[in-house]
């Protein structure tokens, strides 16, 4: 009898231990417990710590309250300006109402994933390529608003949505590269033309200043010669400047005075012009052949004139 009693007590103790183990549930700090009794929701959500339920009657489901990071698979779509793109994203959400997350939707993670994919396709069709590449913040806000409205009914709130990558076709990449090169070439030409305009204005001012001072032009020519000669890789042909001749012409007097005349010039100059005329030899005219031919005719005309007189 005693042995049987001890056996019964041991069985009761083990059953009580098993019952206690099944009745006591531990809810972690980042979790909340939802208890269903005979399939019906109990009004109170169990907080973190030890919670006691009735085994076989109550069933507890734990819900994670942490922020969940879920990648959205890449979606192929056509933008509003008819460009085929492939876009993937990442979504951050968390459960704010554990009871709604369990009761209102079968699997809230799968529901949020499918809603993110459809919203991403929808936002692609409403946006242009430039917005996808340069104005992603606006698109992220649009995605968040589109997903937040239905997610509230599921006890889920969307914390953040980010477009992660935009894949373009190779032809579009080459076209965009050519467009960027053309834009940079246009800006380079505009800058070069502006520089030429400013340089021409400065050169016009320099030409006006050099016109008043011809020596400045010669100095500038010499500076250019020095700059070219510094390379030592070419032959320089330097013409004789005409302005130097003009300068020498202005510096030299037109007639030589007697004071600046040389002794040889004074010796060659005659002292008495009248004696020079007397001592000068007589120059006789020697007729040429044409004059000799016409001489008899002239003599005959003179003889006929005398007879008539």
Protein backbone atom coordinates (compact mmCIF):
# COMPACT_ATOMS: atom_id res chain seq x y z
CA UNK A 1 0.00 0.00 0.00
CA UNK A 2 2.69 2.40 0.93
CA UNK A 3 4.57 1.71 -2.27
CA UNK A 4 1.49 2.29 -4.38
CA UNK A 5 0.80 5.53 -2.54
CA UNK A 6 4.30 6.70 -3.18
CA UNK A 7 3.92 5.85 -6.86
CA UNK A 8 0.70 7.78 -7.08
CA UNK A 9 2.26 10.78 -5.37
CA UNK A 10 5.19 10.65 -7.78
CA UNK A 11 2.84 10.50 -10.74
CA UNK A 12 0.81 13.39 -9.38
CA UNK A 13 3.92 15.43 -8.82
CA UNK A 14 5.18 14.74 -12.31
CA UNK A 15 1.76 15.58 -13.73
CA UNK A 16 1.68 18.80 -11.75
CA UNK A 17 5.16 19.65 -13.01
CA UNK A 18 4.12 19.00 -16.58
CA UNK A 19 0.96 21.03 -16.07
CA UNK A 20 2.92 23.92 -14.60
CA UNK A 21 5.39 23.77 -17.45
CA UNK A 22 2.56 23.88 -19.97
CA UNK A 23 0.69 26.60 -18.07
CA UNK A 24 3.60 28.98 -17.56
CA UNK A 25 4.73 30.91 -20.61
CA UNK A 26 7.67 33.29 -20.82
CA UNK A 27 7.21 36.38 -22.95
CA UNK A 28 10.41 38.21 -23.86
CA UNK A 29 10.86 41.95 -23.62
CA UNK A 30 10.51 42.60 -27.35
CA UNK A 31 7.43 40.33 -27.64
CA UNK A 32 3.77 40.46 -26.78
CA UNK A 33 1.49 37.47 -26.15
CA UNK A 34 -1.97 37.00 -27.66
CA UNK A 35 -4.08 34.37 -25.89
CA UNK A 36 -6.90 32.51 -27.64
CA UNK A 37 -9.23 30.54 -25.37
CA UNK A 38 -11.24 27.98 -27.32
CA UNK A 39 -10.38 29.98 -30.44
CA UNK A 40 -11.68 33.23 -28.96
CA UNK A 41 -9.45 36.21 -28.32
CA UNK A 42 -8.89 37.17 -24.74
CA UNK A 43 -9.15 40.92 -24.26
CA UNK A 44 -5.81 41.45 -22.56
CA UNK A 45 -2.49 41.21 -24.37
CA UNK A 46 0.13 39.53 -22.26
CA UNK A 47 3.14 41.66 -21.38
CA UNK A 48 6.76 40.50 -21.08
CA UNK A 49 7.53 38.14 -18.20
CA UNK A 50 5.88 34.99 -16.77
CA UNK A 51 2.30 34.44 -17.90
CA UNK A 52 0.01 31.59 -16.84
CA UNK A 53 -2.51 30.04 -19.18
CA UNK A 54 -4.76 27.03 -18.97
CA UNK A 55 -3.17 24.16 -20.90
CA UNK A 56 -5.44 22.59 -23.46
CA UNK A 57 -7.83 25.52 -23.21
CA UNK A 58 -5.71 28.55 -23.93
CA UNK A 59 -3.28 28.97 -26.79
CA UNK A 60 -0.71 31.77 -26.79
CA UNK A 61 0.85 33.27 -29.90
CA UNK A 62 3.85 35.55 -29.50
CA UNK A 63 4.24 38.57 -31.73
CA UNK A 64 7.59 40.29 -32.34
CA UNK A 65 7.39 44.03 -31.75
CA UNK A 66 10.82 44.87 -33.20
CA UNK A 67 11.31 46.79 -36.45
CA UNK A 68 11.48 44.29 -39.28
CA UNK A 69 13.77 44.88 -42.29
CA UNK A 70 12.31 43.24 -45.37
CA UNK A 71 13.87 43.42 -48.84
CA UNK A 72 11.48 43.92 -51.73
CA UNK A 73 12.34 41.77 -54.76
CA UNK A 74 13.40 43.64 -57.91
CA UNK A 75 10.45 44.68 -60.04
CA UNK A 76 10.45 45.32 -63.79
CA UNK A 77 8.38 48.29 -64.86
CA UNK A 78 7.94 51.02 -67.45
CA UNK A 79 8.18 54.62 -66.36
CA UNK A 80 5.87 57.40 -67.50
CA UNK A 81 8.39 58.43 -70.19
CA UNK A 82 8.44 54.83 -71.58
CA UNK A 83 11.77 53.64 -70.18
CA UNK A 84 12.09 50.04 -69.00
CA UNK A 85 13.74 49.86 -65.58
CA UNK A 86 14.33 47.29 -62.87
CA UNK A 87 13.97 48.59 -59.32
CA UNK A 88 14.35 46.95 -55.94
CA UNK A 89 13.69 48.42 -52.51
CA UNK A 90 13.80 47.74 -48.78
CA UNK A 91 10.99 48.31 -46.29
CA UNK A 92 11.12 48.87 -42.50
CA UNK A 93 7.95 48.16 -40.50
CA UNK A 94 6.84 47.09 -37.05
CA UNK A 95 3.75 45.71 -35.32
CA UNK A 96 1.90 48.20 -33.15
CA UNK A 97 -1.21 46.10 -32.38
CA UNK A 98 -0.46 42.40 -31.81
CA UNK A 99 -4.12 41.41 -31.71
CA UNK A 100 -4.88 42.91 -35.12
CA UNK A 101 -1.70 41.40 -36.58
CA UNK A 102 -2.95 37.95 -35.51
CA UNK A 103 -6.69 38.29 -36.07
CA UNK A 104 -7.10 40.58 -39.10
CA UNK A 105 -4.51 39.06 -41.42
CA UNK A 106 -3.29 35.50 -41.87
CA UNK A 107 0.41 36.33 -42.29
CA UNK A 108 1.24 39.97 -41.88
CA UNK A 109 4.83 39.56 -43.15
CA UNK A 110 3.69 38.03 -46.43
CA UNK A 111 0.94 40.64 -46.75
CA UNK A 112 3.39 43.53 -46.26
CA UNK A 113 5.80 41.99 -48.80
CA UNK A 114 3.13 41.65 -51.50
CA UNK A 115 1.79 45.12 -50.83
CA UNK A 116 5.32 46.56 -51.16
CA UNK A 117 5.81 44.89 -54.54
CA UNK A 118 2.51 46.13 -55.96
CA UNK A 119 3.07 49.65 -54.60
CA UNK A 120 6.54 49.72 -56.13
CA UNK A 121 5.17 48.77 -59.55
CA UNK A 122 2.47 51.41 -59.23
CA UNK A 123 4.90 54.18 -58.30
CA UNK A 124 7.15 53.23 -61.23
CA UNK A 125 4.35 53.79 -63.73
CA UNK A 126 3.63 57.25 -62.30
CA UNK A 127 7.22 58.49 -62.19
CA UNK A 128 9.75 59.56 -64.79
CA UNK A 129 13.29 58.33 -65.14
CA UNK A 130 14.80 61.58 -63.87
CA UNK A 131 12.74 61.30 -60.68
CA UNK A 132 13.98 57.76 -60.08
CA UNK A 133 17.57 58.86 -60.45
CA UNK A 134 17.61 62.25 -58.74
CA UNK A 135 14.43 62.62 -56.67
CA UNK A 136 14.20 59.36 -54.75
CA UNK A 137 13.19 61.00 -51.48
CA UNK A 138 9.87 62.07 -52.96
CA UNK A 139 9.25 58.57 -54.33
CA UNK A 140 10.09 57.03 -50.96
CA UNK A 141 7.51 59.22 -49.27
CA UNK A 142 4.94 58.27 -51.90
CA UNK A 143 5.61 54.57 -51.34
CA UNK A 144 5.31 54.99 -47.59
CA UNK A 145 1.93 56.71 -47.92
CA UNK A 146 0.63 54.07 -50.33
CA UNK A 147 1.59 51.21 -48.00
CA UNK A 148 0.73 52.81 -44.68
CA UNK A 149 -3.02 53.10 -45.29
CA UNK A 150 -3.85 49.37 -45.60
CA UNK A 151 -1.14 48.33 -43.14
CA UNK A 152 -2.81 50.22 -40.31
CA UNK A 153 -5.77 47.82 -40.40
CA UNK A 154 -3.36 44.93 -39.92
CA UNK A 155 -1.82 46.43 -36.80
CA UNK A 156 1.36 47.26 -38.70
CA UNK A 157 2.93 50.64 -39.28
CA UNK A 158 5.42 51.41 -42.06
CA UNK A 159 8.46 53.08 -40.60
CA UNK A 160 10.44 53.73 -43.77
CA UNK A 161 10.68 52.69 -47.44
CA UNK A 162 13.85 53.12 -49.50
CA UNK A 163 14.45 52.52 -53.20
CA UNK A 164 17.75 50.68 -53.19
CA UNK A 165 18.84 50.23 -56.79
CA UNK A 166 17.68 51.26 -60.27
CA UNK A 167 18.94 49.14 -63.17
CA UNK A 168 18.83 50.66 -66.65
CA UNK A 169 19.26 49.01 -70.07
CA UNK A 170 22.69 49.30 -71.67
CA UNK A 171 21.35 51.39 -74.55
CA UNK A 172 19.87 53.87 -72.09
CA UNK A 173 23.16 54.04 -70.20
CA UNK A 174 25.03 54.85 -73.40
CA UNK A 175 22.45 57.48 -74.35
CA UNK A 176 22.73 59.12 -70.95
CA UNK A 177 26.51 59.07 -71.20
CA UNK A 178 26.38 60.80 -74.59
CA UNK A 179 23.95 63.36 -73.23
CA UNK A 180 26.23 64.10 -70.30
CA UNK A 181 29.24 64.43 -72.62
CA UNK A 182 27.32 66.79 -74.92
CA UNK A 183 26.22 68.92 -71.97
CA UNK A 184 29.76 69.16 -70.65
CA UNK A 185 31.06 69.98 -74.14
CA UNK A 186 28.46 72.74 -74.46
CA UNK A 187 29.46 74.25 -71.13
CA UNK A 188 33.14 74.02 -72.07
CA UNK A 189 32.50 75.85 -75.34
CA UNK A 190 30.48 78.56 -73.61
CA UNK A 191 33.24 79.08 -71.07
CA UNK A 192 35.86 79.16 -73.85
CA UNK A 193 33.83 81.69 -75.86
CA UNK A 194 33.42 83.88 -72.78
CA UNK A 195 37.15 83.71 -72.17
CA UNK A 196 37.85 84.67 -75.80
CA UNK A 197 35.46 87.63 -75.49
CA UNK A 198 37.16 88.89 -72.37
CA UNK A 199 40.59 88.35 -73.93
CA UNK A 200 39.58 90.28 -77.06
CA UNK A 201 38.41 93.22 -74.93
CA UNK A 202 41.70 93.24 -73.04
CA UNK A 203 43.65 92.98 -76.30
CA UNK A 204 41.70 95.92 -77.74
CA UNK A 205 42.58 97.98 -74.68
CA UNK A 206 46.22 96.93 -74.98
CA UNK A 207 46.26 97.82 -78.68
CA UNK A 208 44.85 101.26 -77.88
CA UNK A 209 47.56 101.82 -75.26
CA UNK A 210 50.32 100.61 -77.63
CA UNK A 211 49.11 102.86 -80.42
CA UNK A 212 50.06 105.91 -78.34
CA UNK A 213 53.46 104.46 -77.45
CA UNK A 214 55.13 102.58 -80.35
CA UNK A 215 58.00 101.60 -78.07
CA UNK A 216 55.59 99.45 -76.05
CA UNK A 217 54.92 97.37 -79.16
CA UNK A 218 58.65 96.77 -79.55
CA UNK A 219 58.93 95.74 -75.90
CA UNK A 220 56.03 93.35 -76.35
CA UNK A 221 57.72 91.91 -79.45
CA UNK A 222 60.92 91.35 -77.51
CA UNK A 223 59.00 89.64 -74.70
CA UNK A 224 57.38 87.32 -77.24
CA UNK A 225 60.79 86.52 -78.72
CA UNK A 226 62.12 85.69 -75.25
CA UNK A 227 59.12 83.41 -74.55
CA UNK A 228 59.57 81.57 -77.86
CA UNK A 229 63.32 81.25 -77.45
CA UNK A 230 62.91 79.67 -74.00
CA UNK A 231 61.60 76.44 -75.53
CA UNK A 232 64.77 75.90 -77.64
CA UNK A 233 62.96 73.64 -80.05
CA UNK A 234 62.45 75.90 -83.07
CA UNK A 235 64.28 78.31 -85.33
CA UNK A 236 63.30 81.92 -84.84
CA UNK A 237 63.37 84.36 -87.78
CA UNK A 238 63.27 87.91 -86.42
CA UNK A 239 62.35 90.59 -89.02
CA UNK A 240 63.82 94.07 -88.82
CA UNK A 241 61.07 96.21 -87.30
CA UNK A 242 59.82 99.06 -89.42
CA UNK A 243 59.03 101.09 -86.33
CA UNK A 244 62.76 101.17 -85.51
CA UNK A 245 63.49 102.72 -88.90
CA UNK A 246 60.81 105.31 -88.29
CA UNK A 247 62.30 106.05 -84.89
CA UNK A 248 65.77 106.51 -86.42
CA UNK A 249 64.31 108.65 -89.19
CA UNK A 250 62.72 110.97 -86.66
CA UNK A 251 65.88 111.08 -84.57
CA UNK A 252 68.20 111.97 -87.57
CA UNK A 253 68.04 115.63 -88.99
CA UNK A 254 67.16 116.07 -92.67
CA UNK A 255 70.20 118.37 -93.57
CA UNK A 256 73.76 118.32 -92.28
CA UNK A 257 74.96 121.63 -90.86
CA UNK A 258 78.42 122.99 -91.43
CA UNK A 259 79.30 122.47 -87.82
CA UNK A 260 78.68 118.72 -88.09
CA UNK A 261 80.33 118.42 -91.53
CA UNK A 262 83.45 116.28 -91.76
CA UNK A 263 86.87 117.75 -92.77
CA UNK A 264 86.79 115.77 -96.04
CA UNK A 265 83.47 117.37 -96.96
CA UNK A 266 84.86 120.86 -96.12
CA UNK A 267 87.94 120.21 -98.32
CA UNK A 268 85.78 119.20 -101.26
CA UNK A 269 83.60 122.31 -100.90
CA UNK A 270 85.05 125.17 -103.15
CA UNK A 271 85.95 128.46 -101.51
CA UNK A 272 85.21 130.70 -104.59
CA UNK A 273 82.33 129.65 -106.82
CA UNK A 274 83.36 132.14 -109.61
CA UNK A 275 86.80 130.61 -110.01
CA UNK A 276 85.19 127.23 -110.16
CA UNK A 277 83.09 128.42 -113.10
CA UNK A 278 86.20 129.81 -114.91
CA UNK A 279 88.28 126.75 -114.32
CA UNK A 280 85.51 124.44 -115.36
CA UNK A 281 86.17 122.92 -118.78
CA UNK A 282 83.91 123.85 -121.67
CA UNK A 283 81.38 121.23 -122.51
CA UNK A 284 80.49 120.91 -126.16
CA UNK A 285 77.51 119.18 -127.56
CA UNK A 286 78.30 116.31 -129.89
CA UNK A 287 75.43 115.62 -132.28
CA UNK A 288 74.30 112.11 -132.70
CA UNK A 289 73.37 110.35 -135.97
CA UNK A 290 69.74 111.51 -135.92
CA UNK A 291 70.81 115.13 -135.68
CA UNK A 292 73.30 114.65 -138.53
CA UNK A 293 70.54 113.33 -140.80
CA UNK A 294 68.34 116.30 -140.16
CA UNK A 295 71.19 118.87 -140.50
CA UNK A 296 71.20 119.22 -144.39
CA UNK A 297 67.48 119.79 -144.48
CA UNK A 298 67.75 122.53 -141.91
CA UNK A 299 70.65 124.18 -143.82
CA UNK A 300 68.68 124.06 -147.09
CA UNK A 301 65.71 125.71 -145.43
CA UNK A 302 67.95 128.48 -144.10
CA UNK A 303 69.53 129.07 -147.59
CA UNK A 304 66.08 129.35 -149.24
CA UNK A 305 65.06 131.83 -146.59
CA UNK A 306 68.07 134.06 -147.41
CA UNK A 307 67.33 134.01 -151.17
CA UNK A 308 63.85 135.06 -150.60
CA UNK A 309 64.96 137.99 -148.53
